């Protein structure tokens, strides 16, 4: 898989996906329950609604290193979202992602996670990207492992494990 990004970071492109920043119009449509023609039939998922609702509290999540929508390059269908929880804490950013059920099993989550992680590691002061995953969610563990994450330690909860990628310069 190859990925590239624009100098402003507004759009990341992989072999099959475009990761583009949320716009205020996207946020409004999700919060208002609108159905836009370029959305997969099951978008937005509950997690997308939660993130859209949090943008007022965390406007930095709309920036270049924030949350993005996942769009299929072929056809332009919006199929999920992915994001970095900005700002970093001691050089570490947390990542979260979700693909709608109708588009799962295609490797999109791993492809998007790998691309956004590579981009995140170019941010000033960022050396690690992590994700906490519940052990009861083996699909998410596979996504992270396919994206190059490795189990690093116990996560924030009793049944949670942290996965991380660290910049080669910090290893």
Protein backbone atom coordinates (compact mmCIF):
# COMPACT_ATOMS: atom_id res chain seq x y z
CA UNK A 1 0.00 0.00 0.00
CA UNK A 2 1.20 3.46 -0.75
CA UNK A 3 -0.04 6.65 0.80
CA UNK A 4 0.49 10.31 0.19
CA UNK A 5 -0.71 13.51 1.74
CA UNK A 6 -1.09 17.10 0.73
CA UNK A 7 1.23 19.70 2.26
CA UNK A 8 -1.63 21.03 4.38
CA UNK A 9 -2.58 17.57 5.58
CA UNK A 10 -6.23 18.09 4.62
CA UNK A 11 -6.34 14.92 2.55
CA UNK A 12 -4.49 11.62 2.73
CA UNK A 13 -4.70 9.21 -0.19
CA UNK A 14 -4.03 5.48 -0.14
CA UNK A 15 -4.39 2.90 -2.90
CA UNK A 16 -8.14 2.59 -2.32
CA UNK A 17 -9.13 5.38 0.05
CA UNK A 18 -9.16 9.11 0.59
CA UNK A 19 -9.03 10.31 4.19
CA UNK A 20 -10.39 13.84 4.16
CA UNK A 21 -10.98 16.28 6.95
CA UNK A 22 -14.51 16.71 8.25
CA UNK A 23 -16.15 19.95 7.15
CA UNK A 24 -18.64 21.93 9.22
CA UNK A 25 -21.28 20.74 6.71
CA UNK A 26 -20.40 17.09 7.42
CA UNK A 27 -20.74 17.71 11.15
CA UNK A 28 -24.10 19.44 10.74
CA UNK A 29 -25.45 16.68 8.47
CA UNK A 30 -24.46 13.96 10.95
CA UNK A 31 -25.89 15.83 13.92
CA UNK A 32 -29.11 16.69 12.06
CA UNK A 33 -29.62 13.10 10.90
CA UNK A 34 -29.41 14.06 7.24
CA UNK A 35 -28.78 11.43 4.55
CA UNK A 36 -26.28 12.60 1.96
CA UNK A 37 -26.12 10.79 -1.39
CA UNK A 38 -22.39 9.98 -1.18
CA UNK A 39 -22.74 8.21 2.19
CA UNK A 40 -22.90 4.43 2.55
CA UNK A 41 -26.43 3.45 3.58
CA UNK A 42 -25.29 2.69 7.13
CA UNK A 43 -23.20 5.84 7.64
CA UNK A 44 -22.99 7.44 10.14
CA UNK A 45 -22.42 4.77 12.75
CA UNK A 46 -22.92 5.57 16.43
CA UNK A 47 -19.23 6.40 16.90
CA UNK A 48 -19.39 8.94 14.06
CA UNK A 49 -22.33 10.66 15.75
CA UNK A 50 -20.42 10.80 19.03
CA UNK A 51 -17.33 12.32 17.37
CA UNK A 52 -19.44 14.87 15.47
CA UNK A 53 -21.03 15.90 18.75
CA UNK A 54 -17.64 16.40 20.38
CA UNK A 55 -16.29 18.77 17.72
CA UNK A 56 -17.74 21.77 19.57
CA UNK A 57 -15.70 20.82 22.66
CA UNK A 58 -12.59 19.86 20.67
CA UNK A 59 -12.33 22.13 17.61
CA UNK A 60 -8.68 21.06 17.15
CA UNK A 61 -10.01 17.66 16.08
CA UNK A 62 -11.12 19.32 12.84
CA UNK A 63 -7.54 20.31 11.98
CA UNK A 64 -4.99 18.56 9.80
CA UNK A 65 -4.00 16.15 12.57
CA UNK A 66 -7.55 15.53 13.72
CA UNK A 67 -10.46 13.42 12.58
CA UNK A 68 -11.15 12.40 9.00
CA UNK A 69 -13.80 10.76 6.92
CA UNK A 70 -12.92 7.57 5.03
CA UNK A 71 -14.00 7.68 1.39
CA UNK A 72 -13.62 4.96 -1.25
CA UNK A 73 -11.56 6.34 -4.14
CA UNK A 74 -13.62 4.36 -6.64
CA UNK A 75 -17.06 5.91 -6.51
CA UNK A 76 -16.53 8.42 -3.68
CA UNK A 77 -18.67 6.56 -1.13
CA UNK A 78 -18.13 7.67 2.49
CA UNK A 79 -17.65 4.46 4.51
CA UNK A 80 -16.36 5.46 7.94
CA UNK A 81 -14.18 7.75 9.97
CA UNK A 82 -10.83 7.76 11.66
CA UNK A 83 -9.14 10.22 13.91
CA UNK A 84 -6.36 11.33 16.15
CA UNK A 85 -7.25 12.61 19.59
CA UNK A 86 -5.28 15.85 19.59
CA UNK A 87 -3.21 17.25 21.25
CA UNK A 88 -0.50 14.70 21.96
CA UNK A 89 0.32 13.71 25.52
CA UNK A 90 4.07 13.31 26.09
CA UNK A 91 4.58 12.75 22.36
CA UNK A 92 1.79 10.17 22.08
CA UNK A 93 -1.45 10.40 20.12
CA UNK A 94 -4.38 8.02 20.39
CA UNK A 95 -6.10 6.86 17.21
CA UNK A 96 -9.65 5.61 16.75
CA UNK A 97 -11.46 4.30 13.68
CA UNK A 98 -14.65 2.78 12.42
CA UNK A 99 -15.88 1.37 9.14
CA UNK A 100 -19.61 0.91 8.57
CA UNK A 101 -20.78 -2.70 8.74
CA UNK A 102 -21.62 -2.88 5.03
CA UNK A 103 -17.96 -2.19 4.10
CA UNK A 104 -16.11 -4.23 6.71
CA UNK A 105 -13.88 -7.14 5.77
CA UNK A 106 -12.18 -5.26 2.91
CA UNK A 107 -9.09 -4.13 4.82
CA UNK A 108 -10.17 -0.48 4.82
CA UNK A 109 -9.67 0.04 8.56
CA UNK A 110 -6.08 -1.24 8.46
CA UNK A 111 -5.29 0.75 5.31
CA UNK A 112 -6.67 3.96 6.80
CA UNK A 113 -5.01 3.34 10.17
CA UNK A 114 -1.61 2.75 8.58
CA UNK A 115 -1.87 5.95 6.48
CA UNK A 116 -3.04 8.20 9.31
CA UNK A 117 -0.39 6.77 11.64
CA UNK A 118 2.38 7.47 9.12
CA UNK A 119 1.08 11.01 8.79
CA UNK A 120 0.73 11.49 12.57
CA UNK A 121 4.36 10.55 13.10
CA UNK A 122 5.34 13.57 10.96
CA UNK A 123 3.70 15.98 13.43
CA UNK A 124 6.09 18.02 15.56
CA UNK A 125 6.66 16.38 18.92
CA UNK A 126 4.81 13.15 18.08
CA UNK A 127 6.76 9.91 18.38
CA UNK A 128 4.05 7.32 19.17
CA UNK A 129 0.53 6.53 18.01
CA UNK A 130 -1.48 4.18 20.21
CA UNK A 131 -4.90 2.56 20.50
CA UNK A 132 -6.53 0.78 23.40
CA UNK A 133 -8.58 -2.21 22.33
CA UNK A 134 -10.85 -4.53 24.27
CA UNK A 135 -9.73 -8.15 24.20
CA UNK A 136 -13.32 -9.07 23.34
CA UNK A 137 -12.82 -7.28 19.98
CA UNK A 138 -10.45 -9.52 17.98
CA UNK A 139 -11.35 -7.75 14.70
CA UNK A 140 -9.93 -4.50 16.04
CA UNK A 141 -6.80 -6.28 17.26
CA UNK A 142 -6.31 -7.63 13.71
CA UNK A 143 -6.80 -4.14 12.24
CA UNK A 144 -4.06 -2.75 14.46
CA UNK A 145 -1.67 -5.64 13.84
CA UNK A 146 -2.16 -5.35 10.06
CA UNK A 147 -1.45 -1.62 10.35
CA UNK A 148 1.90 -2.34 12.03
CA UNK A 149 0.91 -1.77 15.66
CA UNK A 150 2.36 -4.01 18.35
CA UNK A 151 1.01 -4.85 21.77
CA UNK A 152 2.78 -2.55 24.19
CA UNK A 153 1.15 -2.96 27.60
CA UNK A 154 -2.11 -3.35 29.42
CA UNK A 155 -4.59 -0.70 28.42
CA UNK A 156 -6.73 1.63 30.47
CA UNK A 157 -9.24 -1.01 31.55
CA UNK A 158 -9.04 -4.50 32.99
CA UNK A 159 -9.93 -6.15 29.67
CA UNK A 160 -8.08 -3.63 27.50
CA UNK A 161 -4.73 -3.90 25.76
CA UNK A 162 -2.72 -1.01 24.33
CA UNK A 163 -1.22 -1.29 20.86
CA UNK A 164 1.30 1.25 19.58
CA UNK A 165 3.61 2.30 16.77
CA UNK A 166 6.69 4.33 17.62
CA UNK A 167 8.71 6.38 15.18
CA UNK A 168 11.87 4.49 14.15
CA UNK A 169 13.91 7.48 15.36
CA UNK A 170 12.61 6.82 18.92
CA UNK A 171 13.14 3.06 19.01
